[in-house]
Amino acid sequence: MALDLDSPIPLWEQLADALREGIRAGAYTGRVPSARSLAQEFEVSHKTSERALHALVDEGLLVAVVGKGFYVKR
């Protein structure tokens, strides 16, 4: 999914939506890509991808494991 630069929805929120859809569709079942990988894939800043990941942690969809990454919460 490409992010819409012209959308009034912030990029981090668009990225979080894309990840949320991927989780629900089963595309992500264990570890999700790193913030750096997501930043490269979606052509956004590292800070933007981190914000999206932490939003999903706050929602309870992901778990952050220090030094390991982000994982889909079961």
C-alpha atoms as a PDB file:
ATOM      1  CA  MET A   1       0.000   0.000   0.000  1.00  0.00           C
ATOM      2  CA  ALA A   2       1.306   3.420  -0.938  1.00  0.00           C
ATOM      3  CA  LEU A   3       0.851   6.351   1.394  1.00  0.00           C
ATOM      4  CA  ASP A   4      -0.980   9.437   0.133  1.00  0.00           C
ATOM      5  CA  LEU A   5       1.162  12.542   0.611  1.00  0.00           C
ATOM      6  CA  ASP A   6      -1.806  14.776  -0.246  1.00  0.00           C
ATOM      7  CA  SER A   7      -4.115  13.242   2.354  1.00  0.00           C
ATOM      8  CA  PRO A   8      -5.076  15.246   5.444  1.00  0.00           C
ATOM      9  CA  ILE A   9      -4.420  12.033   7.427  1.00  0.00           C
ATOM     10  CA  PRO A  10      -0.883  12.112   8.892  1.00  0.00           C
ATOM     11  CA  LEU A  11       1.621   9.708   7.331  1.00  0.00           C
ATOM     12  CA  TRP A  12       2.180   7.869  10.619  1.00  0.00           C
ATOM     13  CA  GLU A  13      -1.557   7.219  10.854  1.00  0.00           C
ATOM     14  CA  GLN A  14      -1.727   5.998   7.239  1.00  0.00           C
ATOM     15  CA  LEU A  15       1.184   3.657   7.943  1.00  0.00           C
ATOM     16  CA  ALA A  16      -0.459   2.417  11.144  1.00  0.00           C
ATOM     17  CA  ASP A  17      -3.636   1.733   9.130  1.00  0.00           C
ATOM     18  CA  ALA A  18      -1.646  -0.255   6.551  1.00  0.00           C
ATOM     19  CA  LEU A  19       0.051  -2.299   9.273  1.00  0.00           C
ATOM     20  CA  ARG A  20      -3.248  -2.834  11.086  1.00  0.00           C
ATOM     21  CA  GLU A  21      -4.801  -4.171   7.874  1.00  0.00           C
ATOM     22  CA  GLY A  22      -1.792  -6.439   7.343  1.00  0.00           C
ATOM     23  CA  ILE A  23      -2.089  -7.815  10.862  1.00  0.00           C
ATOM     24  CA  ARG A  24      -5.804  -8.485  10.465  1.00  0.00           C
ATOM     25  CA  ALA A  25      -5.240 -10.114   7.058  1.00  0.00           C
ATOM     26  CA  GLY A  26      -2.565 -12.393   8.510  1.00  0.00           C
ATOM     27  CA  ALA A  27       0.327 -10.866   6.578  1.00  0.00           C
ATOM     28  CA  TYR A  28       2.130 -10.301   9.878  1.00  0.00           C
ATOM     29  CA  THR A  29       1.957 -13.138  12.374  1.00  0.00           C
ATOM     30  CA  GLY A  30       5.153 -12.848  14.382  1.00  0.00           C
ATOM     31  CA  ARG A  31       7.766 -10.149  14.207  1.00  0.00           C
ATOM     32  CA  VAL A  32       6.845  -7.146  12.104  1.00  0.00           C
ATOM     33  CA  PRO A  33       9.444  -5.290  10.023  1.00  0.00           C
ATOM     34  CA  SER A  34      11.700  -2.888  11.890  1.00  0.00           C
ATOM     35  CA  ALA A  35      11.035   0.840  11.953  1.00  0.00           C
ATOM     36  CA  ARG A  36      13.990   1.350   9.612  1.00  0.00           C
ATOM     37  CA  SER A  37      12.700  -1.261   7.159  1.00  0.00           C
ATOM     38  CA  LEU A  38       9.222   0.265   7.190  1.00  0.00           C
ATOM     39  CA  ALA A  39      10.706   3.732   6.686  1.00  0.00           C
ATOM     40  CA  GLN A  40      12.545   2.522   3.590  1.00  0.00           C
ATOM     41  CA  GLU A  41       9.622   0.504   2.237  1.00  0.00           C
ATOM     42  CA  PHE A  42       7.081   3.314   2.625  1.00  0.00           C
ATOM     43  CA  GLU A  43       9.557   6.146   1.959  1.00  0.00           C
ATOM     44  CA  VAL A  44       8.916   7.939   5.240  1.00  0.00           C
ATOM     45  CA  SER A  45      11.181   9.023   8.070  1.00  0.00           C
ATOM     46  CA  HIS A  46      12.318   6.622  10.758  1.00  0.00           C
ATOM     47  CA  LYS A  47      10.430   8.771  13.296  1.00  0.00           C
ATOM     48  CA  THR A  48       7.198   8.379  11.286  1.00  0.00           C
ATOM     49  CA  SER A  49       7.488   4.594  11.185  1.00  0.00           C
ATOM     50  CA  GLU A  50       8.324   4.449  14.905  1.00  0.00           C
ATOM     51  CA  ARG A  51       5.273   6.541  15.712  1.00  0.00           C
ATOM     52  CA  ALA A  52       3.065   4.171  13.698  1.00  0.00           C
ATOM     53  CA  LEU A  53       4.501   1.118  15.470  1.00  0.00           C
ATOM     54  CA  HIS A  54       4.061   2.660  18.914  1.00  0.00           C
ATOM     55  CA  ALA A  55       0.467   3.604  18.064  1.00  0.00           C
ATOM     56  CA  LEU A  56      -0.218  -0.084  17.423  1.00  0.00           C
ATOM     57  CA  VAL A  57       1.481  -0.973  20.715  1.00  0.00           C
ATOM     58  CA  ASP A  58      -0.839   1.507  22.451  1.00  0.00           C
ATOM     59  CA  GLU A  59      -3.820  -0.173  20.742  1.00  0.00           C
ATOM     60  CA  GLY A  60      -2.689  -3.578  21.971  1.00  0.00           C
ATOM     61  CA  LEU A  61      -2.027  -5.029  18.505  1.00  0.00           C
ATOM     62  CA  LEU A  62       1.765  -5.123  18.893  1.00  0.00           C
ATOM     63  CA  VAL A  63       4.198  -5.788  21.712  1.00  0.00           C
ATOM     64  CA  ALA A  64       7.574  -4.037  21.817  1.00  0.00           C
ATOM     65  CA  VAL A  65      10.448  -6.205  23.042  1.00  0.00           C
ATOM     66  CA  VAL A  66      13.503  -4.114  23.897  1.00  0.00           C
ATOM     67  CA  GLY A  67      16.453  -5.059  21.727  1.00  0.00           C
ATOM     68  CA  LYS A  68      14.339  -7.467  19.656  1.00  0.00           C
ATOM     69  CA  GLY A  69      11.640  -5.503  17.831  1.00  0.00           C
ATOM     70  CA  PHE A  70       7.882  -5.419  17.532  1.00  0.00           C
ATOM     71  CA  TYR A  71       5.711  -8.520  17.551  1.00  0.00           C
ATOM     72  CA  VAL A  72       2.047  -9.169  16.832  1.00  0.00           C
ATOM     73  CA  LYS A  73       0.276  -9.655  20.140  1.00  0.00           C
ATOM     74  CA  ARG A  74      -1.522 -12.979  20.363  1.00  0.00           C
END
